């Protein structure tokens, strides 16, 4: 009985995973995105390495860690994945880093707008809470209508959701609460 009570308490605190039958299916996640009830957070496609070289400059891709050919192909595949699932156009926002912007552009879902709140938190630990709060405000302020795709970095997605997305990984969050609904892709 003691273990049962412990299990109930852990479940109530959200520390026990929801049963598989209670998790949204991929189709439910795509439907939530199509209807604008959810937001897709995407980690940029494969860009070999970690962080950026010393002295890198935003706006100068030659100084940054960029998408590999594999990453460019992954970004195009992400766009195909969205179109196959009924999303041919989206409100596209991206970090100013070239690997994020290039991922968003190669998806071909619409014009890409740079959003500073999506800029990398790598090495910016003291700013994490304030920048994550800013991102929450940006998401809350996005106009209804088209599906929303935000291309950012692993550190930013983890700070917002607690999930460490792989390159090209998609984390789907509820638009209002930003509660994690699930993952798509890798």
N, C-alpha and C. Protein backbone atom coordinates (compact mmCIF):
# COMPACT_ATOMS: atom_id res chain seq x y z
N UNK A 1 0.82 -1.19 0.00
CA UNK A 1 0.00 0.00 0.00
C UNK A 1 0.87 1.26 0.00
N UNK A 2 1.99 1.20 0.72
CA UNK A 2 2.88 2.35 0.79
C UNK A 2 3.40 2.72 -0.60
N UNK A 3 3.76 1.71 -1.42
CA UNK A 3 4.28 1.97 -2.76
C UNK A 3 3.18 2.52 -3.67
N UNK A 4 1.96 2.06 -3.47
CA UNK A 4 0.85 2.58 -4.25
C UNK A 4 0.66 4.06 -3.97
N UNK A 5 0.67 4.44 -2.68
CA UNK A 5 0.51 5.86 -2.33
C UNK A 5 1.65 6.69 -2.90
N UNK A 6 2.88 6.16 -2.84
CA UNK A 6 4.03 6.86 -3.41
C UNK A 6 3.83 7.05 -4.91
N UNK A 7 3.36 6.02 -5.58
CA UNK A 7 3.09 6.10 -7.02
C UNK A 7 2.05 7.16 -7.34
N UNK A 8 1.00 7.23 -6.54
CA UNK A 8 -0.06 8.22 -6.75
C UNK A 8 0.51 9.63 -6.55
N UNK A 9 1.30 9.82 -5.51
CA UNK A 9 1.90 11.13 -5.25
C UNK A 9 2.82 11.53 -6.40
N UNK A 10 3.68 10.61 -6.85
CA UNK A 10 4.59 10.91 -7.97
C UNK A 10 3.80 11.23 -9.24
N UNK A 11 2.71 10.50 -9.48
CA UNK A 11 1.87 10.75 -10.64
C UNK A 11 1.26 12.15 -10.55
N UNK A 12 0.77 12.51 -9.37
CA UNK A 12 0.14 13.82 -9.19
C UNK A 12 1.15 14.95 -9.39
N UNK A 13 2.40 14.70 -9.06
CA UNK A 13 3.45 15.71 -9.24
C UNK A 13 3.96 15.75 -10.68
N UNK A 14 3.46 14.84 -11.50
CA UNK A 14 3.90 14.80 -12.90
C UNK A 14 5.23 14.11 -13.09
N UNK A 15 5.67 13.33 -12.11
CA UNK A 15 6.97 12.67 -12.21
C UNK A 15 6.87 11.27 -12.76
N UNK A 16 5.67 10.79 -13.00
CA UNK A 16 5.47 9.48 -13.62
C UNK A 16 4.91 9.74 -15.00
N UNK A 17 5.50 9.11 -16.03
CA UNK A 17 5.01 9.37 -17.38
C UNK A 17 3.55 8.98 -17.55
N UNK A 18 2.88 9.70 -18.42
CA UNK A 18 1.50 9.39 -18.75
C UNK A 18 1.48 8.07 -19.50
N UNK A 19 0.47 7.28 -19.29
CA UNK A 19 0.34 6.01 -19.99
C UNK A 19 0.33 6.25 -21.49
N UNK A 20 0.88 5.30 -22.24
CA UNK A 20 1.00 5.46 -23.69
C UNK A 20 -0.32 5.80 -24.34
N UNK A 21 -1.42 5.19 -23.87
CA UNK A 21 -2.71 5.45 -24.51
C UNK A 21 -3.20 6.87 -24.25
N UNK A 22 -2.63 7.57 -23.25
CA UNK A 22 -3.03 8.94 -22.95
C UNK A 22 -2.19 9.98 -23.68
N UNK A 23 -1.09 9.56 -24.30
CA UNK A 23 -0.23 10.50 -25.02
C UNK A 23 -0.85 10.82 -26.38
N UNK A 24 -0.69 12.06 -26.82
CA UNK A 24 -1.20 12.40 -28.15
C UNK A 24 -0.48 11.58 -29.23
N UNK A 25 -1.22 11.15 -30.23
CA UNK A 25 -0.61 10.46 -31.36
C UNK A 25 0.05 11.50 -32.25
N UNK A 26 0.88 11.03 -33.18
CA UNK A 26 1.49 11.97 -34.13
C UNK A 26 0.42 12.75 -34.87
N UNK A 27 -0.65 12.06 -35.29
CA UNK A 27 -1.72 12.75 -36.01
C UNK A 27 -2.35 13.83 -35.15
N UNK A 28 -2.52 13.57 -33.86
CA UNK A 28 -3.08 14.59 -32.96
C UNK A 28 -2.15 15.79 -32.85
N UNK A 29 -0.84 15.53 -32.83
CA UNK A 29 0.13 16.63 -32.76
C UNK A 29 0.07 17.47 -34.04
N UNK A 30 0.04 16.79 -35.20
CA UNK A 30 -0.05 17.52 -36.47
C UNK A 30 -1.35 18.32 -36.54
N UNK A 31 -2.44 17.74 -36.07
CA UNK A 31 -3.73 18.44 -36.08
C UNK A 31 -3.66 19.70 -35.21
N UNK A 32 -3.05 19.59 -34.04
CA UNK A 32 -2.92 20.75 -33.15
C UNK A 32 -2.08 21.83 -33.82
N UNK A 33 -1.03 21.44 -34.56
CA UNK A 33 -0.21 22.41 -35.28
C UNK A 33 -1.01 23.05 -36.42
N UNK A 34 -1.73 22.23 -37.19
CA UNK A 34 -2.52 22.77 -38.31
C UNK A 34 -3.56 23.76 -37.82
N UNK A 35 -4.17 23.48 -36.67
CA UNK A 35 -5.23 24.33 -36.13
C UNK A 35 -4.71 25.54 -35.36
N UNK A 36 -3.40 25.64 -35.17
CA UNK A 36 -2.82 26.76 -34.45
C UNK A 36 -2.94 26.64 -32.93
N UNK A 37 -3.31 25.45 -32.43
CA UNK A 37 -3.40 25.24 -30.98
C UNK A 37 -2.05 24.90 -30.38
N UNK A 38 -1.06 24.65 -31.25
CA UNK A 38 0.27 24.25 -30.78
C UNK A 38 1.32 24.98 -31.60
N UNK A 39 2.54 24.94 -31.09
CA UNK A 39 3.71 25.57 -31.72
C UNK A 39 4.78 24.49 -31.89
N UNK A 40 5.44 24.49 -33.04
CA UNK A 40 6.56 23.56 -33.28
C UNK A 40 7.87 24.28 -32.95
N UNK A 41 8.60 23.73 -31.98
CA UNK A 41 9.94 24.22 -31.65
C UNK A 41 10.91 23.26 -32.31
N UNK A 42 11.75 23.76 -33.20
CA UNK A 42 12.67 22.90 -33.93
C UNK A 42 14.10 23.29 -33.62
N UNK A 43 14.90 22.29 -33.27
CA UNK A 43 16.34 22.53 -33.15
C UNK A 43 16.89 22.52 -34.57
N UNK A 44 17.77 23.45 -34.86
CA UNK A 44 18.38 23.52 -36.18
C UNK A 44 18.87 22.15 -36.62
N UNK A 45 18.95 21.95 -37.92
CA UNK A 45 19.43 20.67 -38.47
C UNK A 45 20.93 20.51 -38.16
N UNK A 46 21.50 19.40 -38.57
CA UNK A 46 22.87 19.04 -38.21
C UNK A 46 23.89 20.10 -38.64
N UNK A 47 24.62 20.56 -37.64
CA UNK A 47 25.73 21.50 -37.81
C UNK A 47 26.85 20.94 -36.94
N UNK A 48 27.81 20.25 -37.53
CA UNK A 48 28.83 19.56 -36.74
C UNK A 48 29.55 20.48 -35.75
N UNK A 49 29.83 19.91 -34.57
CA UNK A 49 30.55 20.64 -33.54
C UNK A 49 29.64 21.05 -32.40
N UNK A 50 30.18 21.90 -31.54
CA UNK A 50 29.46 22.41 -30.38
C UNK A 50 29.75 23.90 -30.25
N UNK A 51 28.72 24.67 -29.97
CA UNK A 51 28.93 26.10 -29.81
C UNK A 51 29.39 26.73 -31.11
N UNK A 52 30.11 27.82 -31.00
CA UNK A 52 30.65 28.53 -32.18
C UNK A 52 32.12 28.80 -31.96
N UNK A 53 32.87 29.01 -33.06
CA UNK A 53 34.29 29.33 -32.91
C UNK A 53 34.48 30.65 -32.16
N UNK A 54 35.62 30.79 -31.51
CA UNK A 54 35.94 32.05 -30.83
C UNK A 54 35.87 33.19 -31.85
N UNK A 55 35.30 34.29 -31.46
CA UNK A 55 35.24 35.46 -32.33
C UNK A 55 34.14 35.42 -33.38
N UNK A 56 33.21 34.46 -33.27
CA UNK A 56 32.14 34.42 -34.28
C UNK A 56 31.31 35.69 -34.20
N UNK A 57 30.65 36.01 -35.31
CA UNK A 57 29.79 37.19 -35.37
C UNK A 57 28.45 36.81 -35.97
N UNK A 58 27.39 37.23 -35.29
CA UNK A 58 26.05 37.05 -35.86
C UNK A 58 26.01 37.90 -37.13
N UNK A 59 25.45 37.35 -38.17
CA UNK A 59 25.38 38.06 -39.44
C UNK A 59 26.53 37.73 -40.37
N UNK A 60 27.53 37.03 -39.88
CA UNK A 60 28.67 36.62 -40.72
C UNK A 60 28.79 35.10 -40.61
N UNK A 61 28.11 34.42 -41.54
CA UNK A 61 28.07 32.96 -41.50
C UNK A 61 29.45 32.32 -41.59
N UNK A 62 30.40 32.99 -42.20
CA UNK A 62 31.75 32.44 -42.33
C UNK A 62 32.44 32.27 -40.98
N UNK A 63 31.93 32.96 -39.95
CA UNK A 63 32.55 32.88 -38.62
C UNK A 63 31.81 31.92 -37.69
N UNK A 64 30.73 31.29 -38.17
CA UNK A 64 29.88 30.47 -37.33
C UNK A 64 29.99 28.98 -37.68
N UNK A 65 29.44 28.16 -36.80
CA UNK A 65 29.24 26.75 -37.09
C UNK A 65 27.98 26.66 -37.93
N UNK A 66 28.08 26.06 -39.09
CA UNK A 66 26.97 26.05 -40.05
C UNK A 66 26.47 24.65 -40.33
N UNK A 67 25.35 24.59 -41.05
CA UNK A 67 24.79 23.31 -41.45
C UNK A 67 25.76 22.57 -42.36
N UNK A 68 25.86 21.28 -42.16
CA UNK A 68 26.61 20.43 -43.09
C UNK A 68 25.68 20.12 -44.27
N UNK A 69 26.20 19.44 -45.27
CA UNK A 69 25.33 19.02 -46.38
C UNK A 69 24.21 18.12 -45.85
N UNK A 70 24.55 17.26 -44.89
CA UNK A 70 23.53 16.41 -44.26
C UNK A 70 22.48 17.29 -43.59
N UNK A 71 22.91 18.33 -42.89
CA UNK A 71 21.99 19.24 -42.23
C UNK A 71 21.09 19.96 -43.22
N UNK A 72 21.65 20.35 -44.36
CA UNK A 72 20.85 21.03 -45.38
C UNK A 72 19.77 20.08 -45.91
N UNK A 73 20.15 18.84 -46.13
CA UNK A 73 19.18 17.84 -46.58
C UNK A 73 18.11 17.60 -45.51
N UNK A 74 18.52 17.54 -44.25
CA UNK A 74 17.57 17.37 -43.15
C UNK A 74 16.57 18.52 -43.11
N UNK A 75 17.04 19.73 -43.30
CA UNK A 75 16.15 20.89 -43.27
C UNK A 75 15.11 20.80 -44.39
N UNK A 76 15.56 20.42 -45.58
CA UNK A 76 14.61 20.25 -46.69
C UNK A 76 13.59 19.15 -46.35
N UNK A 77 14.06 18.07 -45.73
CA UNK A 77 13.17 16.96 -45.34
C UNK A 77 12.16 17.41 -44.29
N UNK A 78 12.58 18.29 -43.39
CA UNK A 78 11.64 18.83 -42.40
C UNK A 78 10.49 19.55 -43.10
N UNK A 79 10.82 20.35 -44.10
CA UNK A 79 9.78 21.05 -44.86
C UNK A 79 8.83 20.08 -45.54
N UNK A 80 9.39 19.03 -46.12
CA UNK A 80 8.56 18.00 -46.76
C UNK A 80 7.65 17.35 -45.73
N UNK A 81 8.20 17.04 -44.55
CA UNK A 81 7.41 16.42 -43.48
C UNK A 81 6.22 17.30 -43.12
N UNK A 82 6.43 18.59 -43.01
CA UNK A 82 5.33 19.50 -42.69
C UNK A 82 4.30 19.51 -43.82
N UNK A 83 4.75 19.59 -45.06
CA UNK A 83 3.81 19.63 -46.19
C UNK A 83 3.01 18.33 -46.30
N UNK A 84 3.67 17.19 -46.12
CA UNK A 84 2.98 15.89 -46.17
C UNK A 84 1.90 15.82 -45.09
N UNK A 85 2.12 16.52 -44.00
CA UNK A 85 1.15 16.52 -42.90
C UNK A 85 0.22 17.72 -42.91
N UNK A 86 0.06 18.32 -44.09
CA UNK A 86 -0.96 19.34 -44.28
C UNK A 86 -0.57 20.75 -43.91
N UNK A 87 0.72 21.00 -43.72
CA UNK A 87 1.16 22.36 -43.39
C UNK A 87 2.08 22.84 -44.51
N UNK A 88 1.50 23.61 -45.43
CA UNK A 88 2.27 24.11 -46.58
C UNK A 88 2.81 25.51 -46.33
N UNK A 89 2.27 26.18 -45.32
CA UNK A 89 2.72 27.53 -44.97
C UNK A 89 2.64 27.69 -43.46
N UNK A 90 3.57 28.46 -42.92
CA UNK A 90 3.61 28.66 -41.48
C UNK A 90 4.20 30.03 -41.16
N UNK A 91 3.89 30.52 -39.97
CA UNK A 91 4.58 31.68 -39.42
C UNK A 91 5.94 31.17 -39.00
N UNK A 92 7.00 31.63 -39.66
CA UNK A 92 8.36 31.13 -39.42
C UNK A 92 9.17 32.17 -38.67
N UNK A 93 9.71 31.76 -37.52
CA UNK A 93 10.61 32.60 -36.73
C UNK A 93 11.88 31.81 -36.49
N UNK A 94 13.01 32.51 -36.47
CA UNK A 94 14.29 31.84 -36.32
C UNK A 94 15.26 32.67 -35.48
N UNK A 95 16.16 31.96 -34.84
CA UNK A 95 17.32 32.58 -34.21
C UNK A 95 18.11 33.29 -35.31
N UNK A 96 18.92 34.26 -34.94
CA UNK A 96 19.75 34.97 -35.92
C UNK A 96 20.95 34.14 -36.37
N UNK A 97 21.27 33.05 -35.67
CA UNK A 97 22.39 32.20 -36.07
C UNK A 97 22.11 31.60 -37.43
N UNK A 98 23.11 31.55 -38.28
CA UNK A 98 22.95 31.08 -39.65
C UNK A 98 22.40 29.66 -39.73
N UNK A 99 22.83 28.75 -38.83
CA UNK A 99 22.36 27.37 -38.89
C UNK A 99 20.86 27.27 -38.64
N UNK A 100 20.32 28.16 -37.81
CA UNK A 100 18.88 28.18 -37.57
C UNK A 100 18.15 28.82 -38.74
N UNK A 101 18.64 29.97 -39.16
CA UNK A 101 18.01 30.68 -40.27
C UNK A 101 18.01 29.81 -41.53
N UNK A 102 19.14 29.17 -41.82
CA UNK A 102 19.21 28.31 -43.00
C UNK A 102 18.24 27.13 -42.89
N UNK A 103 18.12 26.55 -41.70
CA UNK A 103 17.16 25.46 -41.51
C UNK A 103 15.76 25.95 -41.85
N UNK A 104 15.38 27.10 -41.30
CA UNK A 104 14.04 27.64 -41.53
C UNK A 104 13.80 27.96 -43.01
N UNK A 105 14.77 28.58 -43.66
CA UNK A 105 14.63 28.93 -45.08
C UNK A 105 14.50 27.68 -45.94
N UNK A 106 15.35 26.68 -45.67
CA UNK A 106 15.33 25.45 -46.47
C UNK A 106 14.04 24.64 -46.29
N UNK A 107 13.32 24.88 -45.21
CA UNK A 107 12.03 24.20 -45.01
C UNK A 107 10.98 24.69 -46.01
N UNK A 108 11.15 25.89 -46.53
CA UNK A 108 10.26 26.47 -47.55
C UNK A 108 8.80 26.48 -47.12
N UNK A 109 8.54 27.01 -45.94
CA UNK A 109 7.16 27.11 -45.45
C UNK A 109 6.69 28.55 -45.38
N UNK A 110 7.55 29.48 -45.76
CA UNK A 110 7.16 30.89 -45.75
C UNK A 110 8.33 31.77 -45.39
N UNK A 111 8.10 33.08 -45.43
CA UNK A 111 9.17 34.02 -45.08
C UNK A 111 9.64 33.79 -43.64
N UNK A 112 10.94 33.94 -43.46
CA UNK A 112 11.54 33.71 -42.14
C UNK A 112 11.87 35.06 -41.50
N UNK A 113 11.37 35.26 -40.30
CA UNK A 113 11.63 36.47 -39.53
C UNK A 113 12.59 36.12 -38.40
N UNK A 114 13.64 36.91 -38.25
CA UNK A 114 14.58 36.70 -37.16
C UNK A 114 13.95 37.16 -35.85
N UNK A 115 14.03 36.28 -34.85
CA UNK A 115 13.48 36.57 -33.53
C UNK A 115 14.60 36.46 -32.50
N UNK A 116 15.07 37.59 -31.96
CA UNK A 116 16.17 37.56 -30.99
C UNK A 116 15.92 36.68 -29.77
N UNK A 117 14.67 36.50 -29.37
CA UNK A 117 14.37 35.65 -28.21
C UNK A 117 14.73 34.19 -28.47
N UNK A 118 14.95 33.83 -29.74
CA UNK A 118 15.35 32.46 -30.09
C UNK A 118 16.86 32.30 -30.19
N UNK A 119 17.61 33.39 -30.03
CA UNK A 119 19.07 33.33 -30.13
C UNK A 119 19.66 32.42 -29.06
N UNK A 120 20.77 31.81 -29.39
CA UNK A 120 21.38 30.79 -28.55
C UNK A 120 21.66 31.24 -27.12
N UNK A 121 21.36 30.34 -26.20
CA UNK A 121 21.68 30.53 -24.79
C UNK A 121 23.01 29.88 -24.42
N UNK A 122 23.66 29.24 -25.39
CA UNK A 122 24.92 28.55 -25.12
C UNK A 122 25.92 29.55 -24.54
N UNK A 123 26.41 29.28 -23.35
CA UNK A 123 27.35 30.18 -22.70
C UNK A 123 26.71 31.41 -22.08
N UNK A 124 25.36 31.46 -22.05
CA UNK A 124 24.66 32.63 -21.51
C UNK A 124 23.80 32.24 -20.31
N UNK A 125 24.32 31.38 -19.47
CA UNK A 125 23.57 30.86 -18.33
C UNK A 125 22.94 31.95 -17.46
N UNK A 126 23.64 33.05 -17.14
CA UNK A 126 23.03 34.08 -16.30
C UNK A 126 21.78 34.71 -16.93
N UNK A 127 21.70 34.68 -18.26
CA UNK A 127 20.57 35.30 -18.96
C UNK A 127 19.41 34.34 -19.21
N UNK A 128 19.61 33.06 -18.89
CA UNK A 128 18.64 32.02 -19.29
C UNK A 128 17.21 32.31 -18.84
N UNK A 129 17.00 32.61 -17.58
CA UNK A 129 15.64 32.82 -17.07
C UNK A 129 14.96 34.01 -17.75
N UNK A 130 15.67 35.12 -17.87
CA UNK A 130 15.09 36.31 -18.49
C UNK A 130 14.80 36.09 -19.97
N UNK A 131 15.73 35.44 -20.66
CA UNK A 131 15.54 35.20 -22.10
C UNK A 131 14.43 34.18 -22.35
N UNK A 132 14.30 33.19 -21.48
CA UNK A 132 13.22 32.21 -21.62
C UNK A 132 11.87 32.88 -21.36
N UNK A 133 11.82 33.77 -20.39
CA UNK A 133 10.59 34.53 -20.14
C UNK A 133 10.24 35.39 -21.35
N UNK A 134 11.25 35.98 -21.96
CA UNK A 134 11.03 36.78 -23.18
C UNK A 134 10.46 35.91 -24.30
N UNK A 135 11.00 34.71 -24.45
CA UNK A 135 10.50 33.79 -25.49
C UNK A 135 9.04 33.43 -25.22
N UNK A 136 8.70 33.20 -23.97
CA UNK A 136 7.31 32.91 -23.62
C UNK A 136 6.39 34.05 -24.05
N UNK A 137 6.84 35.30 -23.82
CA UNK A 137 6.05 36.47 -24.22
C UNK A 137 5.92 36.56 -25.73
N UNK A 138 7.00 36.27 -26.44
CA UNK A 138 6.96 36.30 -27.91
C UNK A 138 5.94 35.29 -28.42
N UNK A 139 5.98 34.08 -27.89
CA UNK A 139 5.05 33.04 -28.33
C UNK A 139 3.61 33.46 -28.02
N UNK A 140 3.39 34.01 -26.83
CA UNK A 140 2.04 34.45 -26.45
C UNK A 140 1.54 35.55 -27.38
N UNK A 141 2.44 36.35 -27.92
CA UNK A 141 2.05 37.47 -28.77
C UNK A 141 1.94 37.17 -30.25
N UNK A 142 2.23 35.92 -30.65
CA UNK A 142 2.13 35.59 -32.07
C UNK A 142 0.68 35.59 -32.51
N UNK A 143 0.41 36.15 -33.68
CA UNK A 143 -0.98 36.25 -34.13
C UNK A 143 -1.55 34.87 -34.47
N UNK A 144 -2.85 34.70 -34.23
CA UNK A 144 -3.49 33.44 -34.62
C UNK A 144 -3.54 33.34 -36.14
N UNK A 145 -3.77 32.16 -36.62
CA UNK A 145 -3.86 31.96 -38.06
C UNK A 145 -3.02 30.80 -38.50
N UNK A 146 -1.93 31.11 -39.19
CA UNK A 146 -1.06 30.05 -39.71
C UNK A 146 -0.42 29.24 -38.58
N UNK A 147 -0.05 28.00 -38.87
CA UNK A 147 0.75 27.25 -37.91
C UNK A 147 2.05 28.00 -37.61
N UNK A 148 2.63 27.76 -36.44
CA UNK A 148 3.83 28.47 -36.00
C UNK A 148 4.99 27.49 -35.89
N UNK A 149 6.12 27.88 -36.51
CA UNK A 149 7.36 27.10 -36.45
C UNK A 149 8.46 28.02 -35.94
N UNK A 150 9.11 27.62 -34.85
CA UNK A 150 10.20 28.39 -34.27
C UNK A 150 11.46 27.55 -34.34
N UNK A 151 12.50 28.06 -35.02
CA UNK A 151 13.75 27.33 -35.16
C UNK A 151 14.79 27.96 -34.25
N UNK A 152 15.33 27.14 -33.36
CA UNK A 152 16.24 27.66 -32.35
C UNK A 152 17.35 26.65 -32.06
N UNK A 153 17.79 26.65 -30.82
CA UNK A 153 18.95 25.85 -30.39
C UNK A 153 18.53 24.89 -29.29
N UNK A 154 19.32 23.85 -29.11
CA UNK A 154 19.05 22.85 -28.09
C UNK A 154 18.93 23.49 -26.72
N UNK A 155 19.81 24.43 -26.39
CA UNK A 155 19.79 25.05 -25.07
C UNK A 155 18.50 25.83 -24.82
N UNK A 156 18.01 26.51 -25.83
CA UNK A 156 16.78 27.29 -25.70
C UNK A 156 15.56 26.39 -25.54
N UNK A 157 15.51 25.34 -26.35
CA UNK A 157 14.38 24.41 -26.28
C UNK A 157 14.37 23.71 -24.93
N UNK A 158 15.54 23.32 -24.45
CA UNK A 158 15.64 22.67 -23.14
C UNK A 158 15.23 23.62 -22.02
N UNK A 159 15.63 24.88 -22.10
CA UNK A 159 15.27 25.85 -21.06
C UNK A 159 13.75 26.07 -21.01
N UNK A 160 13.11 26.03 -22.16
CA UNK A 160 11.67 26.27 -22.24
C UNK A 160 10.86 25.03 -21.88
N UNK A 161 11.34 23.84 -22.30
CA UNK A 161 10.53 22.63 -22.19
C UNK A 161 11.11 21.53 -21.31
N UNK A 162 12.41 21.60 -21.02
CA UNK A 162 13.06 20.51 -20.29
C UNK A 162 13.45 19.36 -21.20
N UNK A 163 13.27 19.50 -22.50
CA UNK A 163 13.58 18.44 -23.46
C UNK A 163 14.83 18.82 -24.24
N UNK A 164 15.75 17.87 -24.35
CA UNK A 164 16.97 18.06 -25.12
C UNK A 164 16.73 17.50 -26.52
N UNK A 165 16.40 18.36 -27.44
CA UNK A 165 16.07 17.95 -28.80
C UNK A 165 17.34 17.64 -29.60
N UNK A 166 17.26 16.60 -30.39
CA UNK A 166 18.35 16.27 -31.31
C UNK A 166 18.31 17.26 -32.48
N UNK A 167 19.37 17.29 -33.26
CA UNK A 167 19.38 18.15 -34.44
C UNK A 167 18.19 17.81 -35.32
N UNK A 168 17.44 18.83 -35.70
CA UNK A 168 16.25 18.63 -36.53
C UNK A 168 15.06 18.10 -35.75
N UNK A 169 15.18 17.95 -34.44
CA UNK A 169 14.08 17.45 -33.63
C UNK A 169 12.98 18.48 -33.46
N UNK A 170 11.75 18.01 -33.37
CA UNK A 170 10.58 18.89 -33.23
C UNK A 170 9.91 18.60 -31.89
N UNK A 171 9.77 19.62 -31.08
CA UNK A 171 9.02 19.53 -29.83
C UNK A 171 7.76 20.35 -30.02
N UNK A 172 6.61 19.74 -29.76
CA UNK A 172 5.33 20.41 -29.95
C UNK A 172 4.81 20.83 -28.58
N UNK A 173 4.52 22.12 -28.45
CA UNK A 173 4.00 22.65 -27.19
C UNK A 173 2.64 23.30 -27.43
N UNK A 174 1.81 23.24 -26.40
CA UNK A 174 0.51 23.88 -26.45
C UNK A 174 0.72 25.39 -26.53
N UNK A 175 -0.02 26.03 -27.37
CA UNK A 175 0.20 27.45 -27.62
C UNK A 175 0.04 28.33 -26.38
N UNK A 176 -0.96 28.13 -25.58
CA UNK A 176 -1.19 28.99 -24.43
C UNK A 176 -0.29 28.68 -23.25
N UNK A 177 -0.32 27.44 -22.80
CA UNK A 177 0.41 27.06 -21.58
C UNK A 177 1.87 26.71 -21.84
N UNK A 178 2.20 26.42 -23.07
CA UNK A 178 3.51 25.93 -23.50
C UNK A 178 3.84 24.56 -22.89
N UNK A 179 2.80 23.85 -22.47
CA UNK A 179 2.96 22.49 -21.99
C UNK A 179 3.41 21.62 -23.16
N UNK A 180 4.35 20.72 -22.91
CA UNK A 180 4.83 19.83 -23.95
C UNK A 180 3.74 18.82 -24.29
N UNK A 181 3.38 18.76 -25.57
CA UNK A 181 2.39 17.79 -26.05
C UNK A 181 3.07 16.52 -26.56
N UNK A 182 4.27 16.68 -27.11
CA UNK A 182 4.99 15.52 -27.64
C UNK A 182 6.09 15.95 -28.58
N UNK A 183 6.65 14.93 -29.25
CA UNK A 183 7.75 15.14 -30.20
C UNK A 183 7.38 14.56 -31.55
N UNK A 184 7.94 15.16 -32.59
CA UNK A 184 7.80 14.65 -33.95
C UNK A 184 9.18 14.54 -34.57
N UNK A 185 9.32 13.68 -35.55
CA UNK A 185 10.61 13.53 -36.23
C UNK A 185 11.60 12.82 -35.35
N UNK A 186 12.87 13.25 -35.41
CA UNK A 186 13.94 12.58 -34.67
C UNK A 186 13.86 12.83 -33.20
